[in-house]
């Protein structure tokens, strides 16, 4: 880790007794560690279970609401918000 020129945003590199390792739970896939590694020892690989981001804000907020409140909770919220609106 001492070979990096600047700090990384996700703090995903972990140095220990052995070689420096990437903490995949913290890694956001930005590639900054690869571009700042002076030894060229790092490379990016695709994640095995990559998720596809939603195409718009409506899809993003729908996904966040369903993750937080579940399908039934989302329906309950929509039942309170949408009366009187044309859908």
C-alpha atoms as a PDB file:
ATOM      1  CA  UNK A   1       0.000   0.000   0.000  1.00  0.00           C
ATOM      2  CA  UNK A   2       2.951   2.317   0.390  1.00  0.00           C
ATOM      3  CA  UNK A   3       3.295   2.416  -3.403  1.00  0.00           C
ATOM      4  CA  UNK A   4       0.034   4.342  -3.868  1.00  0.00           C
ATOM      5  CA  UNK A   5       0.412   8.040  -4.525  1.00  0.00           C
ATOM      6  CA  UNK A   6      -2.876   9.243  -2.986  1.00  0.00           C
ATOM      7  CA  UNK A   7      -5.607   7.868  -0.699  1.00  0.00           C
ATOM      8  CA  UNK A   8      -8.433   5.921  -2.320  1.00  0.00           C
ATOM      9  CA  UNK A   9     -12.106   6.852  -1.831  1.00  0.00           C
ATOM     10  CA  UNK A  10     -13.461   3.503  -0.596  1.00  0.00           C
ATOM     11  CA  UNK A  11     -10.476   2.474   1.553  1.00  0.00           C
ATOM     12  CA  UNK A  12     -10.785  -1.048   0.106  1.00  0.00           C
ATOM     13  CA  UNK A  13      -7.105  -2.057   0.210  1.00  0.00           C
ATOM     14  CA  UNK A  14      -5.997  -3.925   3.332  1.00  0.00           C
ATOM     15  CA  UNK A  15      -2.310  -4.302   4.167  1.00  0.00           C
ATOM     16  CA  UNK A  16      -1.269  -6.957   6.655  1.00  0.00           C
ATOM     17  CA  UNK A  17       1.581  -9.353   7.286  1.00  0.00           C
ATOM     18  CA  UNK A  18       1.312 -10.795   3.771  1.00  0.00           C
ATOM     19  CA  UNK A  19       0.460  -9.099   0.499  1.00  0.00           C
ATOM     20  CA  UNK A  20      -2.010  -6.228   0.310  1.00  0.00           C
ATOM     21  CA  UNK A  21      -5.526  -7.493  -0.378  1.00  0.00           C
ATOM     22  CA  UNK A  22      -8.715  -5.925  -1.739  1.00  0.00           C
ATOM     23  CA  UNK A  23     -11.728  -5.885   0.587  1.00  0.00           C
ATOM     24  CA  UNK A  24     -14.479  -6.726  -1.922  1.00  0.00           C
ATOM     25  CA  UNK A  25     -17.204  -5.585   0.490  1.00  0.00           C
ATOM     26  CA  UNK A  26     -15.773  -2.043   0.377  1.00  0.00           C
ATOM     27  CA  UNK A  27     -14.598  -1.970  -3.256  1.00  0.00           C
ATOM     28  CA  UNK A  28     -16.841   0.153  -5.498  1.00  0.00           C
ATOM     29  CA  UNK A  29     -15.069  -0.769  -8.738  1.00  0.00           C
ATOM     30  CA  UNK A  30     -13.879   2.746  -9.577  1.00  0.00           C
ATOM     31  CA  UNK A  31     -10.442   1.561 -10.758  1.00  0.00           C
ATOM     32  CA  UNK A  32      -8.552   4.324  -8.958  1.00  0.00           C
ATOM     33  CA  UNK A  33      -6.302   1.796  -7.212  1.00  0.00           C
ATOM     34  CA  UNK A  34      -5.260   0.400 -10.602  1.00  0.00           C
ATOM     35  CA  UNK A  35      -4.430   3.814 -12.048  1.00  0.00           C
ATOM     36  CA  UNK A  36      -2.460   4.915  -8.967  1.00  0.00           C
ATOM     37  CA  UNK A  37      -0.494   1.705  -8.357  1.00  0.00           C
ATOM     38  CA  UNK A  38       3.081   2.572  -9.242  1.00  0.00           C
ATOM     39  CA  UNK A  39       4.140  -1.094  -9.541  1.00  0.00           C
ATOM     40  CA  UNK A  40       1.317  -2.133 -11.901  1.00  0.00           C
ATOM     41  CA  UNK A  41       0.439  -5.049  -9.616  1.00  0.00           C
ATOM     42  CA  UNK A  42      -3.328  -4.377  -9.649  1.00  0.00           C
ATOM     43  CA  UNK A  43      -5.932  -5.049 -12.329  1.00  0.00           C
ATOM     44  CA  UNK A  44      -9.726  -4.949 -12.524  1.00  0.00           C
ATOM     45  CA  UNK A  45     -11.829  -8.076 -12.986  1.00  0.00           C
ATOM     46  CA  UNK A  46     -15.603  -8.243 -13.512  1.00  0.00           C
ATOM     47  CA  UNK A  47     -17.632  -9.201 -10.444  1.00  0.00           C
ATOM     48  CA  UNK A  48     -19.347 -12.556 -10.626  1.00  0.00           C
ATOM     49  CA  UNK A  49     -22.681 -11.251  -9.320  1.00  0.00           C
ATOM     50  CA  UNK A  50     -22.802  -7.763 -10.810  1.00  0.00           C
ATOM     51  CA  UNK A  51     -26.101  -5.921 -10.611  1.00  0.00           C
ATOM     52  CA  UNK A  52     -27.359  -3.711 -13.412  1.00  0.00           C
ATOM     53  CA  UNK A  53     -28.252  -0.204 -12.216  1.00  0.00           C
ATOM     54  CA  UNK A  54     -31.717   1.182 -13.049  1.00  0.00           C
ATOM     55  CA  UNK A  55     -32.034   3.368 -16.151  1.00  0.00           C
ATOM     56  CA  UNK A  56     -33.716   6.344 -14.480  1.00  0.00           C
ATOM     57  CA  UNK A  57     -34.487   7.967 -11.153  1.00  0.00           C
ATOM     58  CA  UNK A  58     -37.939   6.383 -10.958  1.00  0.00           C
ATOM     59  CA  UNK A  59     -36.412   2.913 -11.160  1.00  0.00           C
ATOM     60  CA  UNK A  60     -33.753   3.824  -8.608  1.00  0.00           C
ATOM     61  CA  UNK A  61     -36.292   5.109  -6.073  1.00  0.00           C
ATOM     62  CA  UNK A  62     -38.593   2.140  -6.710  1.00  0.00           C
ATOM     63  CA  UNK A  63     -35.732  -0.259  -5.978  1.00  0.00           C
ATOM     64  CA  UNK A  64     -34.725   1.619  -2.827  1.00  0.00           C
ATOM     65  CA  UNK A  65     -38.330   1.644  -1.560  1.00  0.00           C
ATOM     66  CA  UNK A  66     -38.848  -2.069  -2.233  1.00  0.00           C
ATOM     67  CA  UNK A  67     -35.512  -2.924  -0.568  1.00  0.00           C
ATOM     68  CA  UNK A  68     -36.400  -0.875   2.487  1.00  0.00           C
ATOM     69  CA  UNK A  69     -40.122  -1.581   2.924  1.00  0.00           C
ATOM     70  CA  UNK A  70     -40.725  -4.761   0.899  1.00  0.00           C
ATOM     71  CA  UNK A  71     -43.343  -5.198  -1.817  1.00  0.00           C
ATOM     72  CA  UNK A  72     -46.333  -4.907   0.528  1.00  0.00           C
ATOM     73  CA  UNK A  73     -44.900  -1.868   2.298  1.00  0.00           C
ATOM     74  CA  UNK A  74     -44.291  -0.187  -1.049  1.00  0.00           C
ATOM     75  CA  UNK A  75     -47.892  -0.909  -2.094  1.00  0.00           C
ATOM     76  CA  UNK A  76     -49.117   0.566   1.203  1.00  0.00           C
ATOM     77  CA  UNK A  77     -47.069   3.735   0.629  1.00  0.00           C
ATOM     78  CA  UNK A  78     -48.335   4.065  -2.936  1.00  0.00           C
ATOM     79  CA  UNK A  79     -51.884   3.607  -1.660  1.00  0.00           C
ATOM     80  CA  UNK A  80     -51.417   6.693   0.508  1.00  0.00           C
ATOM     81  CA  UNK A  81     -49.527   8.800  -2.039  1.00  0.00           C
ATOM     82  CA  UNK A  82     -51.379   8.146  -5.284  1.00  0.00           C
ATOM     83  CA  UNK A  83     -55.122   8.631  -4.496  1.00  0.00           C
ATOM     84  CA  UNK A  84     -56.546  11.319  -6.713  1.00  0.00           C
ATOM     85  CA  UNK A  85     -53.664  11.153  -9.220  1.00  0.00           C
ATOM     86  CA  UNK A  86     -54.022   9.692 -12.664  1.00  0.00           C
ATOM     87  CA  UNK A  87     -51.644   6.797 -13.116  1.00  0.00           C
END
